[in-house]
N, C-alpha and C. Protein backbone atom coordinates (compact mmCIF):
# COMPACT_ATOMS: atom_id res chain seq x y z
N VAL A 1 127.42 -60.22 92.55
CA VAL A 1 126.95 -59.27 91.54
C VAL A 1 127.87 -59.02 90.37
N LEU A 2 129.12 -58.72 90.78
CA LEU A 2 130.42 -58.58 89.80
C LEU A 2 130.55 -59.56 89.04
N HIS A 3 130.49 -60.92 89.35
CA HIS A 3 131.13 -61.85 88.71
C HIS A 3 129.91 -62.82 88.13
N ALA A 4 128.80 -62.56 88.71
CA ALA A 4 127.51 -63.76 88.21
C ALA A 4 127.66 -63.70 86.54
N PRO A 5 127.35 -64.84 85.82
CA PRO A 5 127.19 -64.87 84.72
C PRO A 5 125.85 -64.06 84.10
N GLU A 6 125.90 -63.80 82.94
CA GLU A 6 124.96 -63.06 82.25
C GLU A 6 123.75 -63.72 82.42
N GLY A 7 122.82 -63.01 82.84
CA GLY A 7 121.34 -63.85 82.71
C GLY A 7 121.04 -64.38 84.19
N ALA A 8 121.83 -64.82 84.86
CA ALA A 8 121.82 -65.23 86.38
C ALA A 8 120.91 -64.14 87.20
N SER A 9 120.22 -64.83 87.97
CA SER A 9 119.35 -64.28 89.03
C SER A 9 120.09 -63.88 90.05
N VAL A 10 120.46 -62.37 90.23
CA VAL A 10 120.93 -61.91 91.40
C VAL A 10 120.21 -60.84 92.27
N PRO A 11 119.79 -61.14 93.58
CA PRO A 11 118.75 -60.37 93.91
C PRO A 11 119.06 -58.85 94.16
N LEU A 12 120.61 -58.62 94.29
CA LEU A 12 120.64 -57.32 94.48
C LEU A 12 121.39 -56.63 93.43
N ARG A 13 121.15 -57.09 92.05
CA ARG A 13 121.48 -56.75 90.84
C ARG A 13 120.90 -55.25 90.69
N ALA A 14 119.45 -55.31 90.80
CA ALA A 14 118.86 -53.97 90.74
C ALA A 14 119.38 -52.79 91.53
N VAL A 15 119.62 -53.09 92.82
CA VAL A 15 120.11 -52.02 93.72
C VAL A 15 121.47 -51.81 93.20
N TRP A 16 122.47 -52.70 92.93
CA TRP A 16 123.78 -52.44 92.63
C TRP A 16 123.74 -51.41 91.42
N ALA A 17 122.88 -51.75 90.29
CA ALA A 17 123.05 -51.04 89.27
C ALA A 17 122.50 -49.47 89.39
N HIS A 18 121.92 -49.32 90.45
CA HIS A 18 121.68 -47.87 90.78
C HIS A 18 122.41 -47.24 91.90
N GLY A 19 123.66 -47.84 92.14
CA GLY A 19 124.73 -47.24 93.03
C GLY A 19 125.05 -45.86 92.71
N TYR A 20 125.26 -45.66 91.55
CA TYR A 20 125.51 -44.12 90.99
C TYR A 20 124.73 -43.14 91.70
N LEU A 21 123.56 -43.42 92.08
CA LEU A 21 122.84 -42.40 92.67
C LEU A 21 123.17 -41.98 93.86
N GLY A 22 124.22 -42.67 94.69
CA GLY A 22 125.05 -42.14 95.62
C GLY A 22 125.89 -40.91 95.51
N VAL A 23 126.12 -40.84 94.31
CA VAL A 23 126.99 -39.42 93.99
C VAL A 23 126.20 -38.41 94.01
N PRO A 24 124.96 -38.19 93.33
CA PRO A 24 124.21 -36.95 93.64
C PRO A 24 123.66 -36.90 94.84
N MET A 25 123.43 -37.78 95.79
CA MET A 25 123.01 -37.76 96.93
C MET A 25 123.89 -37.21 97.84
N PHE A 26 125.21 -37.94 97.53
CA PHE A 26 126.38 -37.03 98.13
C PHE A 26 126.39 -35.36 98.10
N PHE A 27 126.30 -35.19 96.89
CA PHE A 27 126.52 -33.65 96.42
C PHE A 27 125.32 -32.69 97.13
N VAL A 28 124.02 -33.35 96.95
CA VAL A 28 122.96 -32.78 97.41
C VAL A 28 123.24 -32.70 99.11
N LEU A 29 123.33 -33.51 99.77
CA LEU A 29 123.72 -33.59 101.19
C LEU A 29 124.82 -32.37 101.53
N SER A 30 125.87 -32.49 100.66
CA SER A 30 126.93 -31.44 101.00
C SER A 30 126.51 -29.97 100.99
N GLY A 31 125.83 -29.77 99.67
CA GLY A 31 124.88 -28.49 99.62
C GLY A 31 124.33 -28.26 100.80
N PHE A 32 123.73 -29.20 101.28
CA PHE A 32 122.90 -28.78 102.52
C PHE A 32 123.45 -28.49 103.81
N LEU A 33 124.43 -29.45 104.04
CA LEU A 33 125.12 -29.29 105.28
C LEU A 33 125.99 -27.88 105.39
N LEU A 34 126.97 -27.96 104.37
CA LEU A 34 127.57 -26.77 104.40
C LEU A 34 126.96 -25.34 104.47
N THR A 35 125.99 -25.16 103.63
CA THR A 35 125.20 -24.01 103.58
C THR A 35 124.59 -23.99 105.21
N ARG A 36 124.06 -24.88 105.97
CA ARG A 36 123.63 -24.79 106.91
C ARG A 36 124.60 -24.30 108.20
N LEU A 37 125.77 -24.92 107.96
CA LEU A 37 126.98 -24.70 108.85
C LEU A 37 127.51 -23.32 108.64
N TYR A 38 127.64 -22.85 107.28
CA TYR A 38 128.45 -21.71 107.08
C TYR A 38 127.76 -20.56 106.60
N PHE A 39 126.66 -20.51 106.19
CA PHE A 39 125.78 -19.42 105.37
C PHE A 39 125.89 -18.21 106.51
N ASP A 40 125.44 -18.45 107.77
CA ASP A 40 125.14 -17.37 108.72
C ASP A 40 126.70 -16.85 109.03
N ALA A 41 127.53 -17.92 109.36
CA ALA A 41 128.88 -17.32 109.79
C ALA A 41 129.57 -16.58 108.88
N LEU A 42 129.46 -17.10 107.48
CA LEU A 42 130.14 -16.35 106.37
C LEU A 42 129.51 -14.93 106.17
N ARG A 43 128.13 -15.00 106.20
CA ARG A 43 127.49 -13.73 106.11
C ARG A 43 127.73 -12.72 107.27
N ASP A 44 127.85 -12.96 108.50
CA ASP A 44 128.05 -12.23 109.66
C ASP A 44 129.53 -12.01 110.01
N GLY A 45 130.38 -12.44 109.06
CA GLY A 45 131.85 -12.40 109.28
C GLY A 45 132.39 -13.17 110.42
N ARG A 46 131.82 -14.16 110.95
CA ARG A 46 132.20 -14.91 112.05
C ARG A 46 133.32 -15.86 111.51
N THR A 47 133.08 -16.15 110.31
CA THR A 47 134.34 -17.22 109.83
C THR A 47 134.50 -16.70 108.60
N GLY A 48 136.07 -16.18 108.57
CA GLY A 48 136.66 -15.77 107.44
C GLY A 48 136.84 -16.75 106.10
N LEU A 49 137.15 -16.15 104.90
CA LEU A 49 137.18 -16.88 103.77
C LEU A 49 138.51 -18.10 104.08
N GLY A 50 139.65 -17.50 104.68
CA GLY A 50 140.83 -18.38 104.89
C GLY A 50 140.58 -19.29 105.95
N THR A 51 139.77 -18.91 106.77
CA THR A 51 139.38 -19.95 108.04
C THR A 51 138.66 -21.01 107.36
N PHE A 52 137.75 -20.66 106.62
CA PHE A 52 136.66 -21.51 106.06
C PHE A 52 137.35 -22.72 105.19
N LEU A 53 138.57 -22.09 104.12
CA LEU A 53 138.93 -22.99 103.24
C LEU A 53 139.91 -24.05 103.95
N MET A 54 140.76 -23.23 105.25
CA MET A 54 141.64 -24.32 105.80
C MET A 54 140.71 -25.47 106.68
N ARG A 55 139.47 -25.00 106.97
CA ARG A 55 138.73 -26.04 107.63
C ARG A 55 138.41 -27.26 106.82
N ARG A 56 138.18 -26.66 105.64
CA ARG A 56 137.47 -27.76 104.57
C ARG A 56 138.82 -28.74 104.12
N VAL A 57 140.18 -28.11 103.87
CA VAL A 57 141.12 -28.82 103.69
C VAL A 57 141.48 -29.96 104.69
N ALA A 58 141.36 -29.43 106.14
CA ALA A 58 141.73 -30.12 106.96
C ALA A 58 140.79 -31.35 107.23
N ARG A 59 139.44 -31.08 107.02
CA ARG A 59 138.34 -31.89 107.05
C ARG A 59 138.60 -33.18 105.98
N ILE A 60 139.12 -32.80 104.91
CA ILE A 60 138.98 -34.03 103.89
C ILE A 60 140.47 -34.45 103.26
N TRP A 61 141.52 -33.74 103.43
CA TRP A 61 142.64 -34.10 102.56
C TRP A 61 143.55 -34.90 103.39
N PRO A 62 143.91 -34.75 104.83
CA PRO A 62 144.67 -35.53 105.23
C PRO A 62 144.45 -37.13 105.39
N LEU A 63 143.34 -37.77 105.59
CA LEU A 63 143.05 -38.73 105.62
C LEU A 63 142.78 -39.42 104.02
N PHE A 64 142.48 -38.66 103.22
CA PHE A 64 142.69 -38.84 101.61
C PHE A 64 144.14 -39.18 101.44
N LEU A 65 145.04 -38.24 101.84
CA LEU A 65 146.43 -38.25 101.56
C LEU A 65 146.87 -39.64 102.12
N VAL A 66 146.57 -40.15 103.29
CA VAL A 66 147.17 -41.36 103.73
C VAL A 66 146.62 -42.55 102.81
N LEU A 67 145.54 -42.79 102.69
CA LEU A 67 144.83 -43.75 101.94
C LEU A 67 145.39 -43.80 100.39
N ALA A 68 145.61 -42.65 99.75
CA ALA A 68 146.13 -42.36 98.74
C ALA A 68 147.68 -42.84 98.38
N VAL A 69 148.48 -42.59 99.57
CA VAL A 69 149.95 -42.86 99.29
C VAL A 69 150.13 -44.35 99.76
N VAL A 70 149.01 -45.05 100.52
CA VAL A 70 148.89 -46.54 100.51
C VAL A 70 148.76 -47.12 99.25
N GLN A 71 147.74 -46.75 98.64
CA GLN A 71 147.40 -47.11 97.37
C GLN A 71 148.44 -46.91 96.32
N HIS A 72 149.33 -45.92 96.25
CA HIS A 72 150.34 -45.81 95.31
C HIS A 72 151.62 -46.65 95.52
N LEU A 73 151.66 -46.90 97.02
CA LEU A 73 152.83 -47.61 97.21
C LEU A 73 152.49 -49.01 96.97
N ALA A 74 151.22 -49.77 97.23
CA ALA A 74 150.91 -50.77 96.80
C ALA A 74 150.92 -51.00 95.08
N LEU A 75 150.70 -50.15 94.37
CA LEU A 75 150.75 -50.13 92.97
C LEU A 75 152.12 -50.52 92.63
N TRP A 76 153.21 -49.43 93.32
CA TRP A 76 154.42 -49.52 92.98
C TRP A 76 155.22 -50.79 93.38
N ALA A 77 154.76 -51.40 94.46
CA ALA A 77 155.28 -52.78 94.77
C ALA A 77 154.62 -53.88 94.05
N LEU A 78 153.41 -53.69 93.20
CA LEU A 78 152.94 -54.58 92.35
C LEU A 78 153.52 -54.41 90.90
N GLY A 79 154.57 -53.24 90.65
CA GLY A 79 154.70 -52.80 89.35
C GLY A 79 153.81 -52.26 88.61
N ARG A 80 152.96 -51.79 89.02
CA ARG A 80 151.59 -51.48 88.36
C ARG A 80 151.65 -49.71 88.39
N GLN A 81 152.55 -49.04 89.07
CA GLN A 81 152.55 -47.57 89.25
C GLN A 81 152.60 -46.88 88.03
N ASP A 82 151.83 -45.99 87.54
CA ASP A 82 151.70 -45.21 86.56
C ASP A 82 153.19 -44.49 86.41
N PRO A 83 153.74 -44.43 85.32
CA PRO A 83 155.16 -43.76 85.40
C PRO A 83 155.09 -42.18 84.81
N HIS A 84 153.86 -42.11 84.49
CA HIS A 84 153.50 -40.61 83.82
C HIS A 84 152.83 -39.59 84.71
N LEU A 85 153.32 -39.68 86.03
CA LEU A 85 152.92 -38.58 86.90
C LEU A 85 151.44 -38.75 87.34
N GLY A 86 150.80 -39.79 87.13
CA GLY A 86 149.27 -40.12 87.33
C GLY A 86 149.26 -40.03 88.89
N TRP A 87 150.26 -40.16 89.72
CA TRP A 87 150.07 -40.02 91.17
C TRP A 87 149.94 -38.50 91.68
N LEU A 88 150.55 -37.83 90.85
CA LEU A 88 150.53 -36.22 91.16
C LEU A 88 149.09 -35.71 90.93
N VAL A 89 148.42 -36.21 89.93
CA VAL A 89 147.00 -35.93 89.70
C VAL A 89 146.04 -36.47 90.92
N SER A 90 146.39 -37.63 91.42
CA SER A 90 145.70 -38.54 92.07
C SER A 90 145.84 -37.78 93.61
N LEU A 91 147.21 -37.67 94.11
CA LEU A 91 147.37 -36.97 95.29
C LEU A 91 146.91 -35.62 95.64
N THR A 92 146.69 -34.88 94.46
CA THR A 92 146.21 -33.46 94.67
C THR A 92 144.63 -33.49 94.67
N MET A 93 144.23 -34.63 94.32
CA MET A 93 142.54 -34.64 94.32
C MET A 93 141.86 -33.84 93.03
N SER A 94 142.83 -33.81 91.99
CA SER A 94 142.40 -33.27 90.98
C SER A 94 142.17 -34.16 89.71
N GLN A 95 141.91 -35.48 89.92
CA GLN A 95 141.63 -36.53 88.87
C GLN A 95 140.27 -36.20 88.08
N GLY A 96 139.37 -35.43 88.67
CA GLY A 96 138.00 -35.28 88.05
C GLY A 96 138.19 -34.45 86.87
N TRP A 97 139.32 -33.50 86.81
CA TRP A 97 139.61 -32.75 85.64
C TRP A 97 140.17 -33.42 84.22
N PHE A 98 140.71 -34.74 84.70
CA PHE A 98 141.42 -35.32 83.81
C PHE A 98 140.62 -36.73 83.33
N ALA A 99 140.23 -36.75 82.24
CA ALA A 99 139.55 -37.94 81.75
C ALA A 99 140.34 -39.18 81.87
N GLY A 100 141.62 -39.02 81.42
CA GLY A 100 142.65 -39.97 81.32
C GLY A 100 143.10 -40.64 82.89
N SER A 101 142.73 -39.87 83.75
CA SER A 101 143.06 -40.14 85.03
C SER A 101 141.98 -40.50 86.07
N LEU A 102 141.07 -40.50 85.56
CA LEU A 102 139.64 -40.38 86.37
C LEU A 102 139.61 -41.49 87.23
N TYR A 103 139.97 -42.61 87.34
CA TYR A 103 140.01 -43.79 88.11
C TYR A 103 141.11 -44.01 88.54
N ASP A 104 142.39 -43.40 88.37
CA ASP A 104 143.73 -43.66 88.93
C ASP A 104 143.60 -43.64 90.48
N GLY A 105 144.59 -44.33 91.17
CA GLY A 105 144.67 -44.11 92.56
C GLY A 105 143.28 -44.85 93.06
N LEU A 106 142.76 -43.99 94.05
CA LEU A 106 141.47 -44.33 94.59
C LEU A 106 140.33 -43.93 93.51
N PRO A 107 139.63 -44.98 92.88
CA PRO A 107 138.83 -44.71 91.87
C PRO A 107 137.87 -43.69 92.08
N GLN A 108 137.17 -43.89 93.38
CA GLN A 108 135.99 -42.95 93.66
C GLN A 108 136.36 -41.59 94.10
N ALA A 109 137.54 -41.02 94.00
CA ALA A 109 138.33 -39.63 94.15
C ALA A 109 137.87 -38.71 93.42
N TRP A 110 137.08 -39.04 92.20
CA TRP A 110 136.89 -38.07 91.12
C TRP A 110 135.91 -37.10 91.69
N SER A 111 135.01 -37.70 92.59
CA SER A 111 133.99 -36.76 93.23
C SER A 111 134.49 -35.84 94.11
N LEU A 112 135.61 -36.07 94.72
CA LEU A 112 136.18 -35.11 95.73
C LEU A 112 136.73 -33.78 94.90
N THR A 113 137.06 -34.12 93.60
CA THR A 113 137.54 -32.91 92.74
C THR A 113 136.38 -31.77 92.69
N ILE A 114 135.39 -32.50 92.43
CA ILE A 114 134.00 -31.62 92.47
C ILE A 114 133.70 -30.99 93.84
N GLU A 115 134.14 -31.70 95.06
CA GLU A 115 133.69 -31.40 96.24
C GLU A 115 134.66 -30.00 96.62
N GLU A 116 135.90 -30.42 96.15
CA GLU A 116 136.93 -29.28 96.39
C GLU A 116 136.47 -27.89 95.71
N ALA A 117 135.90 -28.15 94.31
CA ALA A 117 135.51 -26.95 93.56
C ALA A 117 134.39 -26.42 94.20
N PHE A 118 133.46 -26.98 94.99
CA PHE A 118 132.19 -26.30 95.63
C PHE A 118 132.81 -25.36 96.84
N TYR A 119 133.63 -26.28 97.50
CA TYR A 119 134.42 -25.25 98.65
C TYR A 119 134.75 -23.97 98.31
N VAL A 120 135.20 -24.08 96.93
CA VAL A 120 135.87 -22.72 96.60
C VAL A 120 134.59 -21.62 96.22
N LEU A 121 133.51 -22.30 95.86
CA LEU A 121 132.49 -21.55 95.14
C LEU A 121 131.78 -21.29 96.57
N LEU A 122 131.54 -21.98 97.51
CA LEU A 122 130.43 -21.66 98.35
C LEU A 122 130.33 -20.26 98.90
N PRO A 123 131.64 -19.63 99.37
CA PRO A 123 131.53 -18.38 99.87
C PRO A 123 130.92 -17.33 99.12
N LEU A 124 131.39 -17.59 97.79
CA LEU A 124 130.86 -16.43 96.67
C LEU A 124 129.39 -17.01 96.48
N ALA A 125 128.94 -18.12 96.58
CA ALA A 125 127.49 -18.36 96.40
C ALA A 125 126.72 -17.95 97.70
N CYS A 126 127.23 -17.74 98.75
CA CYS A 126 126.58 -17.45 100.03
C CYS A 126 126.34 -15.68 100.04
N LEU A 127 127.48 -15.17 99.28
CA LEU A 127 127.40 -13.73 99.24
C LEU A 127 126.16 -13.13 98.36
N VAL A 128 126.20 -13.95 96.95
CA VAL A 128 124.99 -13.83 96.06
C VAL A 128 123.71 -13.88 96.62
N ILE A 129 123.51 -15.01 97.39
CA ILE A 129 122.25 -15.22 97.92
C ILE A 129 121.67 -14.45 98.91
N ASP A 130 123.03 -13.92 99.72
CA ASP A 130 122.60 -12.75 100.66
C ASP A 130 122.28 -11.52 100.02
N ARG A 131 123.22 -11.09 99.04
CA ARG A 131 122.55 -9.82 98.45
C ARG A 131 121.18 -10.02 97.64
N VAL A 132 120.93 -11.18 96.96
CA VAL A 132 119.82 -11.12 96.20
C VAL A 132 118.57 -11.59 96.97
N VAL A 133 118.92 -12.28 97.94
CA VAL A 133 117.53 -12.86 98.65
C VAL A 133 117.08 -11.92 99.87
N PHE A 134 118.17 -11.67 100.68
CA PHE A 134 118.22 -10.91 101.79
C PHE A 134 118.00 -9.41 101.81
N ALA A 135 119.08 -9.17 100.55
CA ALA A 135 119.27 -7.65 100.48
C ALA A 135 119.87 -6.90 101.56
N GLY A 136 120.83 -7.42 102.42
CA GLY A 136 121.25 -7.01 103.80
C GLY A 136 120.22 -6.99 105.09
N ALA A 137 118.96 -7.48 104.84
CA ALA A 137 118.03 -7.44 106.00
C ALA A 137 118.63 -8.58 106.98
N ARG A 138 118.22 -8.52 108.24
CA ARG A 138 118.57 -9.45 109.24
C ARG A 138 117.68 -10.81 109.32
N SER A 139 116.32 -10.43 108.86
CA SER A 139 115.51 -11.54 109.06
C SER A 139 115.78 -12.41 107.91
N ARG A 140 115.87 -13.92 108.59
CA ARG A 140 115.97 -15.11 107.84
C ARG A 140 114.52 -15.80 107.36
N VAL A 141 113.66 -15.21 107.42
CA VAL A 141 112.23 -15.61 107.16
C VAL A 141 112.10 -15.57 105.61
N LEU A 142 111.83 -16.86 105.16
CA LEU A 142 111.66 -16.85 103.70
C LEU A 142 110.12 -16.91 103.19
N GLY A 143 109.66 -15.54 102.76
CA GLY A 143 108.44 -15.58 102.20
C GLY A 143 108.50 -15.75 100.88
N PRO A 144 107.32 -15.85 100.14
CA PRO A 144 107.01 -15.94 98.77
C PRO A 144 108.03 -15.26 97.96
N ALA A 145 108.16 -14.01 98.09
CA ALA A 145 109.09 -13.28 97.39
C ALA A 145 110.47 -13.77 97.43
N ARG A 146 111.04 -13.81 98.77
CA ARG A 146 112.46 -14.25 98.89
C ARG A 146 112.53 -15.56 98.38
N TRP A 147 111.57 -16.74 98.25
CA TRP A 147 111.61 -18.04 97.79
C TRP A 147 112.04 -17.61 96.11
N PHE A 148 111.18 -16.86 95.55
CA PHE A 148 111.68 -16.63 94.12
C PHE A 148 112.75 -16.01 93.86
N ARG A 149 113.40 -15.38 94.68
CA ARG A 149 114.59 -14.54 94.66
C ARG A 149 115.48 -15.64 94.60
N LEU A 150 115.38 -16.66 95.84
CA LEU A 150 116.42 -17.65 96.19
C LEU A 150 116.65 -18.46 94.75
N GLY A 151 115.37 -18.81 94.33
CA GLY A 151 115.57 -19.68 93.00
C GLY A 151 116.06 -19.02 91.75
N ALA A 152 116.07 -17.84 91.79
CA ALA A 152 116.77 -16.88 90.92
C ALA A 152 118.23 -16.89 91.04
N ALA A 153 118.56 -16.68 92.21
CA ALA A 153 119.98 -16.38 92.68
C ALA A 153 120.68 -17.86 92.25
N LEU A 154 120.08 -18.98 92.50
CA LEU A 154 120.60 -20.30 92.39
C LEU A 154 120.74 -20.75 90.93
N ALA A 155 119.61 -20.16 90.28
CA ALA A 155 119.68 -20.46 88.69
C ALA A 155 120.83 -19.49 88.12
N LEU A 156 120.92 -18.40 88.56
CA LEU A 156 121.91 -17.58 88.06
C LEU A 156 123.47 -18.29 88.49
N LEU A 157 123.66 -19.07 89.60
CA LEU A 157 124.74 -19.53 90.06
C LEU A 157 125.12 -20.76 89.01
N VAL A 158 124.10 -21.52 88.75
CA VAL A 158 123.83 -22.69 88.07
C VAL A 158 124.36 -22.38 86.73
N VAL A 159 123.86 -21.33 86.10
CA VAL A 159 124.12 -20.72 84.76
C VAL A 159 125.60 -20.41 84.66
N GLY A 160 126.18 -19.67 86.04
CA GLY A 160 127.36 -19.20 85.86
C GLY A 160 128.55 -20.17 85.94
N ALA A 161 128.14 -21.34 86.70
CA ALA A 161 129.32 -22.42 86.75
C ALA A 161 129.37 -23.22 85.61
N ALA A 162 128.25 -23.22 84.48
CA ALA A 162 128.19 -23.99 83.22
C ALA A 162 129.06 -22.97 82.59
N LEU A 163 128.88 -21.71 82.43
CA LEU A 163 129.60 -20.92 81.66
C LEU A 163 131.11 -20.84 81.93
N LEU A 164 131.46 -21.00 83.20
CA LEU A 164 133.00 -20.93 83.53
C LEU A 164 133.30 -22.32 83.05
N GLY A 165 132.37 -23.49 82.84
CA GLY A 165 133.23 -24.58 82.57
C GLY A 165 133.32 -24.45 80.99
N GLU A 166 132.31 -24.12 80.28
CA GLU A 166 132.46 -23.71 78.87
C GLU A 166 133.57 -23.12 78.59
N LEU A 167 133.97 -21.95 79.35
CA LEU A 167 135.07 -21.09 78.89
C LEU A 167 136.35 -21.71 79.33
N ALA A 168 136.78 -22.68 80.25
CA ALA A 168 137.86 -23.44 80.66
C ALA A 168 137.98 -24.54 79.53
N TRP A 169 136.64 -25.09 79.23
CA TRP A 169 136.88 -26.15 78.15
C TRP A 169 137.34 -25.55 76.83
N ARG A 170 136.86 -24.32 76.38
CA ARG A 170 137.42 -23.68 75.25
C ARG A 170 138.81 -23.26 75.38
N LEU A 171 139.14 -22.81 76.54
CA LEU A 171 140.39 -22.11 76.53
C LEU A 171 141.64 -23.53 76.58
N ALA A 172 141.31 -24.59 77.12
CA ALA A 172 142.15 -25.74 77.26
C ALA A 172 142.08 -26.22 75.97
N ASP A 173 141.10 -26.39 74.98
CA ASP A 173 141.16 -26.95 73.68
C ASP A 173 141.74 -25.92 72.90
N ALA A 174 141.71 -24.64 72.87
CA ALA A 174 142.40 -23.80 71.96
C ALA A 174 144.09 -23.91 72.43
N ALA A 175 144.29 -23.97 73.72
CA ALA A 175 145.85 -23.95 74.02
C ALA A 175 146.41 -25.34 73.62
N GLY A 176 145.60 -26.56 73.43
CA GLY A 176 145.93 -27.93 73.01
C GLY A 176 146.59 -28.21 74.50
N TRP A 177 145.90 -28.18 75.67
CA TRP A 177 146.04 -28.77 76.94
C TRP A 177 145.28 -30.28 76.78
N HIS A 178 145.78 -31.10 76.27
CA HIS A 178 145.28 -32.49 76.44
C HIS A 178 145.68 -33.39 77.16
N TRP A 179 146.91 -33.22 77.86
CA TRP A 179 147.54 -34.29 78.80
C TRP A 179 146.50 -35.07 79.86
N ARG A 180 146.70 -36.30 79.57
CA ARG A 180 145.69 -37.15 80.40
C ARG A 180 144.33 -36.77 80.14
N GLY A 181 144.07 -36.08 79.27
CA GLY A 181 142.54 -36.01 78.79
C GLY A 181 141.92 -34.90 79.81
N PHE A 182 142.80 -34.03 80.13
CA PHE A 182 142.50 -32.54 80.68
C PHE A 182 141.29 -31.98 80.02
N LEU A 183 140.03 -31.88 80.97
CA LEU A 183 139.01 -31.24 80.25
C LEU A 183 138.56 -31.70 78.97
N ALA A 184 138.52 -32.76 78.94
CA ALA A 184 138.30 -33.63 77.61
C ALA A 184 137.48 -33.19 76.59
N ASP A 185 136.00 -33.26 77.25
CA ASP A 185 134.92 -32.66 76.29
C ASP A 185 133.79 -32.10 76.99
N ARG A 186 132.97 -31.72 76.24
CA ARG A 186 131.73 -31.10 77.07
C ARG A 186 131.01 -32.07 77.87
N GLY A 187 130.80 -33.21 77.42
CA GLY A 187 130.43 -34.35 78.24
C GLY A 187 131.04 -34.56 79.51
N HIS A 188 132.29 -34.58 79.47
CA HIS A 188 133.31 -34.78 80.75
C HIS A 188 132.93 -33.64 81.70
N MET A 189 132.95 -32.41 81.07
CA MET A 189 132.48 -31.46 81.86
C MET A 189 131.15 -31.29 82.51
N ALA A 190 130.35 -32.01 81.87
CA ALA A 190 128.87 -32.01 82.35
C ALA A 190 128.89 -33.16 83.59
N ARG A 191 129.73 -34.22 83.28
CA ARG A 191 129.49 -35.33 84.05
C ARG A 191 130.33 -35.18 85.32
N MET A 192 131.70 -34.66 85.11
CA MET A 192 132.70 -34.92 86.02
C MET A 192 133.36 -33.66 86.79
N THR A 193 132.55 -32.70 86.64
CA THR A 193 133.10 -31.35 87.18
C THR A 193 131.93 -30.56 87.71
N LEU A 194 132.51 -29.63 88.47
CA LEU A 194 131.15 -28.82 88.99
C LEU A 194 130.43 -27.95 88.15
N ALA A 195 130.83 -27.57 87.15
CA ALA A 195 130.30 -27.02 85.95
C ALA A 195 128.98 -27.56 85.70
N GLY A 196 129.02 -28.93 85.60
CA GLY A 196 127.67 -29.82 85.36
C GLY A 196 127.06 -30.31 86.54
N ARG A 197 127.70 -30.26 87.68
CA ARG A 197 127.18 -30.85 88.95
C ARG A 197 126.51 -30.04 89.76
N PHE A 198 126.72 -28.62 89.53
CA PHE A 198 126.57 -27.63 90.64
C PHE A 198 124.61 -27.90 90.85
N PRO A 199 124.30 -28.08 89.95
CA PRO A 199 122.56 -28.27 90.39
C PRO A 199 122.10 -29.02 91.37
N GLU A 200 122.69 -30.12 91.62
CA GLU A 200 122.76 -31.06 92.75
C GLU A 200 123.25 -30.15 93.89
N PHE A 201 124.19 -29.65 93.98
CA PHE A 201 124.63 -28.79 95.40
C PHE A 201 123.50 -27.70 95.39
N ALA A 202 122.90 -26.96 94.26
CA ALA A 202 122.09 -26.04 94.57
C ALA A 202 120.63 -26.34 95.15
N VAL A 203 120.48 -27.67 95.08
CA VAL A 203 119.15 -28.29 95.62
C VAL A 203 119.38 -28.30 97.19
N GLY A 204 120.56 -28.83 97.42
CA GLY A 204 120.90 -28.93 98.84
C GLY A 204 120.96 -27.52 99.68
N MET A 205 121.48 -26.54 98.83
CA MET A 205 121.54 -25.20 99.47
C MET A 205 120.11 -24.51 99.58
N ALA A 206 119.27 -24.94 98.91
CA ALA A 206 117.79 -24.38 98.61
C ALA A 206 117.37 -25.00 99.96
N ALA A 207 117.49 -26.42 100.35
CA ALA A 207 116.80 -27.19 101.31
C ALA A 207 117.55 -26.49 102.69
């Protein structure tokens, strides 16, 4: 698929060309699973904020760190290691914020930057949904009125995330923080940060 001549018949080309759909599917599933696992626990105080964040870091970062270190050692051995601290962006899983480092190290890891940001936002999102949708009531049943309020709460969160992204971009631009394409432009914010990708998580949360 990658190396076939232009115009050659490759049966899987159509499938490969839509591989990007795996990313929004990943975000929708993440929103669904994390809300399913943690909404009640965060709401009832059975899981504290610190415990939640520690579990998420422990779930994703150690294995990523091992793979990223192997990758950077291999690049160093081949003489292809980035001398400008690109490894620091990669090892902290923050490459989604930097257009110039988006595919450094482990290229797919830009999506983990978005996932990390969702982990930070999820407890606040659960609090907003609890207050707006359930208003402190213990019943979990979603009647028509609560479905409407859930849609309103998630819309509020989507708009809030977009506004935070816009504010962050404006501050970075005004301060001249352009190192490695940090928050490069609005298009980058929409495609590669939680500011633009939160609607996908919101669909999963609603489910």
